[in-house]
N, C-alpha and C. Protein backbone atom coordinates (compact mmCIF):
# COMPACT_ATOMS: atom_id res chain seq x y z
N VAL A 1 0.86 -1.18 0.00
CA VAL A 1 0.00 0.00 0.00
C VAL A 1 0.89 1.23 0.00
N LYS A 2 0.58 2.16 -0.83
CA LYS A 2 1.37 3.38 -0.97
C LYS A 2 0.50 4.61 -0.72
N ASN A 3 1.15 5.70 -0.34
CA ASN A 3 0.51 7.02 -0.20
C ASN A 3 -0.61 7.07 0.83
N HIS A 4 -0.47 6.32 1.91
CA HIS A 4 -1.49 6.35 2.96
C HIS A 4 -1.08 7.23 4.13
N GLY A 5 0.15 7.72 4.13
CA GLY A 5 0.59 8.65 5.16
C GLY A 5 1.12 8.01 6.42
N ILE A 6 1.16 6.70 6.49
CA ILE A 6 1.70 6.02 7.67
C ILE A 6 3.17 5.69 7.39
N ALA A 7 4.04 6.10 8.29
CA ALA A 7 5.47 5.91 8.11
C ALA A 7 5.83 4.42 8.06
N ASP A 8 6.81 4.10 7.24
CA ASP A 8 7.28 2.71 7.14
C ASP A 8 7.70 2.18 8.51
N SER A 9 8.32 3.01 9.32
CA SER A 9 8.76 2.55 10.64
C SER A 9 7.58 2.14 11.51
N VAL A 10 6.47 2.86 11.41
CA VAL A 10 5.26 2.51 12.18
C VAL A 10 4.71 1.18 11.68
N MET A 11 4.62 1.03 10.37
CA MET A 11 4.12 -0.23 9.81
C MET A 11 5.02 -1.40 10.19
N ASN A 12 6.34 -1.19 10.13
CA ASN A 12 7.28 -2.25 10.50
C ASN A 12 7.12 -2.64 11.96
N ASP A 13 6.95 -1.65 12.84
CA ASP A 13 6.75 -1.94 14.27
C ASP A 13 5.46 -2.73 14.49
N MET A 14 4.40 -2.35 13.78
CA MET A 14 3.13 -3.06 13.92
C MET A 14 3.22 -4.49 13.39
N MET A 15 3.94 -4.68 12.32
CA MET A 15 4.14 -6.03 11.79
C MET A 15 4.93 -6.88 12.79
N GLU A 16 5.94 -6.31 13.40
CA GLU A 16 6.76 -7.06 14.35
C GLU A 16 5.94 -7.46 15.59
N ILE A 17 5.16 -6.55 16.13
CA ILE A 17 4.36 -6.90 17.31
C ILE A 17 3.28 -7.91 16.93
N SER A 18 2.79 -7.85 15.71
CA SER A 18 1.83 -8.85 15.23
C SER A 18 2.49 -10.22 15.15
N ARG A 19 3.70 -10.27 14.64
CA ARG A 19 4.44 -11.55 14.59
C ARG A 19 4.63 -12.10 16.00
N ARG A 20 4.95 -11.22 16.93
CA ARG A 20 5.15 -11.66 18.32
C ARG A 20 3.85 -12.22 18.89
N PHE A 21 2.72 -11.61 18.55
CA PHE A 21 1.44 -12.14 19.01
C PHE A 21 1.23 -13.57 18.48
N PHE A 22 1.45 -13.78 17.20
CA PHE A 22 1.20 -15.10 16.61
C PHE A 22 2.24 -16.14 17.00
N ARG A 23 3.34 -15.71 17.61
CA ARG A 23 4.34 -16.65 18.13
C ARG A 23 4.08 -17.02 19.60
N LEU A 24 3.10 -16.38 20.22
CA LEU A 24 2.77 -16.71 21.60
C LEU A 24 2.29 -18.16 21.69
N PRO A 25 2.35 -18.74 22.88
CA PRO A 25 1.80 -20.09 23.03
C PRO A 25 0.32 -20.10 22.65
N GLU A 26 -0.11 -21.22 22.13
CA GLU A 26 -1.50 -21.35 21.69
C GLU A 26 -2.48 -20.96 22.79
N SER A 27 -2.21 -21.36 24.01
CA SER A 27 -3.12 -21.05 25.12
C SER A 27 -3.32 -19.55 25.29
N GLU A 28 -2.28 -18.77 25.06
CA GLU A 28 -2.38 -17.31 25.17
C GLU A 28 -3.15 -16.73 24.00
N ARG A 29 -2.86 -17.19 22.79
CA ARG A 29 -3.58 -16.70 21.61
C ARG A 29 -5.06 -17.03 21.68
N LEU A 30 -5.39 -18.20 22.21
CA LEU A 30 -6.79 -18.63 22.25
C LEU A 30 -7.66 -17.77 23.15
N LYS A 31 -7.06 -16.96 23.99
CA LYS A 31 -7.85 -16.03 24.81
C LYS A 31 -8.61 -15.05 23.92
N SER A 32 -8.14 -14.84 22.71
CA SER A 32 -8.79 -13.92 21.77
C SER A 32 -9.61 -14.65 20.72
N TYR A 33 -9.63 -15.98 20.76
CA TYR A 33 -10.33 -16.75 19.73
C TYR A 33 -11.85 -16.62 19.88
N SER A 34 -12.52 -16.50 18.76
CA SER A 34 -13.97 -16.48 18.75
C SER A 34 -14.49 -16.88 17.38
N GLU A 35 -15.61 -17.56 17.37
CA GLU A 35 -16.31 -17.86 16.13
C GLU A 35 -17.40 -16.82 15.85
N ASP A 36 -17.57 -15.89 16.78
CA ASP A 36 -18.60 -14.86 16.66
C ASP A 36 -18.09 -13.70 15.80
N PRO A 37 -18.62 -13.54 14.59
CA PRO A 37 -18.13 -12.48 13.70
C PRO A 37 -18.46 -11.07 14.15
N THR A 38 -19.28 -10.92 15.18
CA THR A 38 -19.63 -9.58 15.66
C THR A 38 -18.69 -9.08 16.76
N LYS A 39 -17.80 -9.95 17.24
CA LYS A 39 -16.89 -9.53 18.32
C LYS A 39 -15.92 -8.47 17.81
N THR A 40 -15.59 -7.53 18.67
CA THR A 40 -14.70 -6.44 18.28
C THR A 40 -13.23 -6.83 18.34
N VAL A 41 -12.91 -7.88 19.06
CA VAL A 41 -11.57 -8.47 19.06
C VAL A 41 -11.78 -9.94 18.74
N ARG A 42 -11.16 -10.38 17.67
CA ARG A 42 -11.44 -11.75 17.24
C ARG A 42 -10.24 -12.39 16.56
N LEU A 43 -9.74 -13.43 17.19
CA LEU A 43 -8.76 -14.30 16.55
C LEU A 43 -9.56 -15.42 15.91
N SER A 44 -9.32 -15.66 14.65
CA SER A 44 -10.06 -16.70 13.96
C SER A 44 -9.20 -17.26 12.84
N THR A 45 -9.81 -18.11 12.05
CA THR A 45 -9.10 -18.72 10.94
C THR A 45 -9.95 -18.63 9.68
N SER A 46 -9.34 -18.91 8.56
CA SER A 46 -9.98 -18.70 7.27
C SER A 46 -10.90 -19.83 6.83
N PHE A 47 -11.09 -20.82 7.68
CA PHE A 47 -11.98 -21.92 7.31
C PHE A 47 -12.75 -22.36 8.54
N ASN A 48 -13.78 -23.13 8.34
CA ASN A 48 -14.59 -23.65 9.43
C ASN A 48 -13.91 -24.90 9.98
N VAL A 49 -13.31 -24.77 11.15
CA VAL A 49 -12.52 -25.87 11.71
C VAL A 49 -13.37 -27.08 12.05
N LYS A 50 -14.67 -26.90 12.19
CA LYS A 50 -15.54 -28.02 12.53
C LYS A 50 -16.06 -28.78 11.31
N LYS A 51 -16.01 -28.14 10.14
CA LYS A 51 -16.62 -28.75 8.96
C LYS A 51 -15.65 -29.02 7.81
N GLU A 52 -14.60 -28.24 7.69
CA GLU A 52 -13.76 -28.30 6.51
C GLU A 52 -12.40 -28.94 6.78
N LYS A 53 -11.86 -29.53 5.74
CA LYS A 53 -10.48 -29.99 5.80
C LYS A 53 -9.58 -28.78 5.54
N VAL A 54 -8.42 -28.80 6.12
CA VAL A 54 -7.49 -27.68 5.95
C VAL A 54 -6.93 -27.70 4.53
N SER A 55 -7.15 -26.63 3.79
CA SER A 55 -6.55 -26.53 2.47
C SER A 55 -5.78 -25.22 2.32
N ASN A 56 -6.24 -24.19 2.97
CA ASN A 56 -5.55 -22.90 2.91
C ASN A 56 -5.72 -22.22 4.26
N TRP A 57 -4.89 -22.57 5.19
CA TRP A 57 -5.03 -22.12 6.57
C TRP A 57 -4.46 -20.72 6.71
N ARG A 58 -5.27 -19.81 7.24
CA ARG A 58 -4.83 -18.44 7.50
C ARG A 58 -5.48 -17.99 8.80
N ASP A 59 -4.68 -17.78 9.82
CA ASP A 59 -5.18 -17.22 11.07
C ASP A 59 -5.12 -15.71 10.99
N TYR A 60 -6.06 -15.05 11.64
CA TYR A 60 -6.04 -13.59 11.65
C TYR A 60 -6.57 -13.07 12.98
N LEU A 61 -6.14 -11.87 13.30
CA LEU A 61 -6.60 -11.17 14.50
C LEU A 61 -7.25 -9.88 14.04
N ARG A 62 -8.53 -9.75 14.32
CA ARG A 62 -9.26 -8.54 13.93
C ARG A 62 -9.45 -7.68 15.17
N LEU A 63 -9.12 -6.40 15.04
CA LEU A 63 -9.25 -5.45 16.14
C LEU A 63 -10.06 -4.25 15.68
N HIS A 64 -11.13 -3.94 16.36
CA HIS A 64 -11.80 -2.67 16.10
C HIS A 64 -10.95 -1.58 16.73
N CYS A 65 -10.85 -0.44 16.07
CA CYS A 65 -9.91 0.60 16.50
C CYS A 65 -10.52 1.98 16.69
N TYR A 66 -11.72 2.21 16.21
CA TYR A 66 -12.24 3.57 16.28
C TYR A 66 -13.63 3.59 16.87
N PRO A 67 -13.84 4.42 17.87
CA PRO A 67 -12.85 5.27 18.54
C PRO A 67 -11.95 4.43 19.45
N LEU A 68 -10.69 4.74 19.42
CA LEU A 68 -9.66 3.97 20.10
C LEU A 68 -9.98 3.73 21.57
N GLU A 69 -10.44 4.77 22.25
CA GLU A 69 -10.69 4.65 23.69
C GLU A 69 -11.82 3.67 24.02
N ASP A 70 -12.64 3.33 23.05
CA ASP A 70 -13.72 2.36 23.27
C ASP A 70 -13.26 0.92 23.11
N TYR A 71 -12.16 0.71 22.41
CA TYR A 71 -11.78 -0.66 22.06
C TYR A 71 -10.44 -1.14 22.58
N ALA A 72 -9.47 -0.26 22.71
CA ALA A 72 -8.10 -0.69 23.02
C ALA A 72 -7.99 -1.51 24.30
N GLN A 73 -8.82 -1.22 25.29
CA GLN A 73 -8.73 -1.97 26.55
C GLN A 73 -9.16 -3.43 26.38
N HIS A 74 -9.80 -3.76 25.29
CA HIS A 74 -10.22 -5.14 25.02
C HIS A 74 -9.21 -5.92 24.19
N TRP A 75 -8.21 -5.24 23.67
CA TRP A 75 -7.20 -5.90 22.84
C TRP A 75 -6.36 -6.84 23.69
N PRO A 76 -5.66 -7.77 23.06
CA PRO A 76 -4.82 -8.71 23.81
C PRO A 76 -3.81 -8.00 24.71
N ALA A 77 -3.59 -8.58 25.88
CA ALA A 77 -2.63 -8.03 26.83
C ALA A 77 -1.21 -8.54 26.56
N GLN A 78 -1.09 -9.57 25.75
CA GLN A 78 0.21 -10.14 25.41
C GLN A 78 0.40 -10.12 23.91
N PRO A 79 1.59 -9.88 23.43
CA PRO A 79 2.80 -9.50 24.14
C PRO A 79 2.58 -8.23 24.97
N SER A 80 3.43 -8.05 25.95
CA SER A 80 3.21 -7.00 26.94
C SER A 80 3.08 -5.60 26.35
N ASN A 81 3.71 -5.33 25.23
CA ASN A 81 3.61 -3.99 24.65
C ASN A 81 2.64 -3.94 23.46
N PHE A 82 1.80 -4.95 23.31
CA PHE A 82 0.87 -5.01 22.17
C PHE A 82 -0.01 -3.77 22.09
N ARG A 83 -0.70 -3.45 23.17
CA ARG A 83 -1.62 -2.31 23.15
C ARG A 83 -0.87 -1.01 22.90
N PHE A 84 0.25 -0.83 23.56
CA PHE A 84 1.03 0.39 23.39
C PHE A 84 1.53 0.51 21.95
N ALA A 85 2.03 -0.58 21.41
CA ALA A 85 2.60 -0.55 20.06
C ALA A 85 1.55 -0.18 19.02
N PHE A 86 0.30 -0.60 19.23
CA PHE A 86 -0.75 -0.27 18.28
C PHE A 86 -1.41 1.07 18.60
N CYS A 87 -1.59 1.38 19.87
CA CYS A 87 -2.31 2.61 20.24
C CYS A 87 -1.54 3.87 19.90
N LEU A 88 -0.26 3.89 20.19
CA LEU A 88 0.51 5.10 19.98
C LEU A 88 0.47 5.57 18.53
N PRO A 89 0.74 4.70 17.56
CA PRO A 89 0.66 5.17 16.16
C PRO A 89 -0.76 5.58 15.77
N LEU A 90 -1.75 4.89 16.28
CA LEU A 90 -3.13 5.25 15.93
C LEU A 90 -3.51 6.60 16.49
N LYS A 91 -3.00 6.93 17.67
CA LYS A 91 -3.28 8.25 18.25
C LYS A 91 -2.59 9.36 17.47
N ARG A 92 -1.42 9.05 16.92
CA ARG A 92 -0.64 10.07 16.20
C ARG A 92 -1.13 10.29 14.78
N ASN A 93 -1.74 9.29 14.20
CA ASN A 93 -2.15 9.36 12.80
C ASN A 93 -3.67 9.32 12.71
N THR A 94 -4.23 10.30 12.10
CA THR A 94 -5.66 10.29 11.86
C THR A 94 -5.88 9.70 10.48
N VAL A 95 -6.51 8.55 10.46
CA VAL A 95 -6.76 7.88 9.19
C VAL A 95 -8.27 7.85 8.98
N ILE A 96 -8.72 8.37 7.88
CA ILE A 96 -10.14 8.35 7.54
C ILE A 96 -10.34 7.27 6.49
N TRP A 97 -11.20 6.33 6.77
CA TRP A 97 -11.40 5.18 5.89
C TRP A 97 -12.53 5.42 4.95
């Protein structure tokens, strides 16, 4: 993605903290797991684990972010700097979607 106004260093930091989240022990990651698509924080996968065979496995973590003060406290607590690493850049950059 180009010309969005977010510094490469911010994106790199967010990618690194995301990698750290997905490297956590499964028991820690599963604290955010949900099959409910309406949840504002949701770790899930790209297929129905109860019905489908694995063919293209993709795990993802969805975080609602706006307004930040309504959602950030529900984000994962681990890795320890996860909330800080995501909140600080979001507070500094106003992104209109």
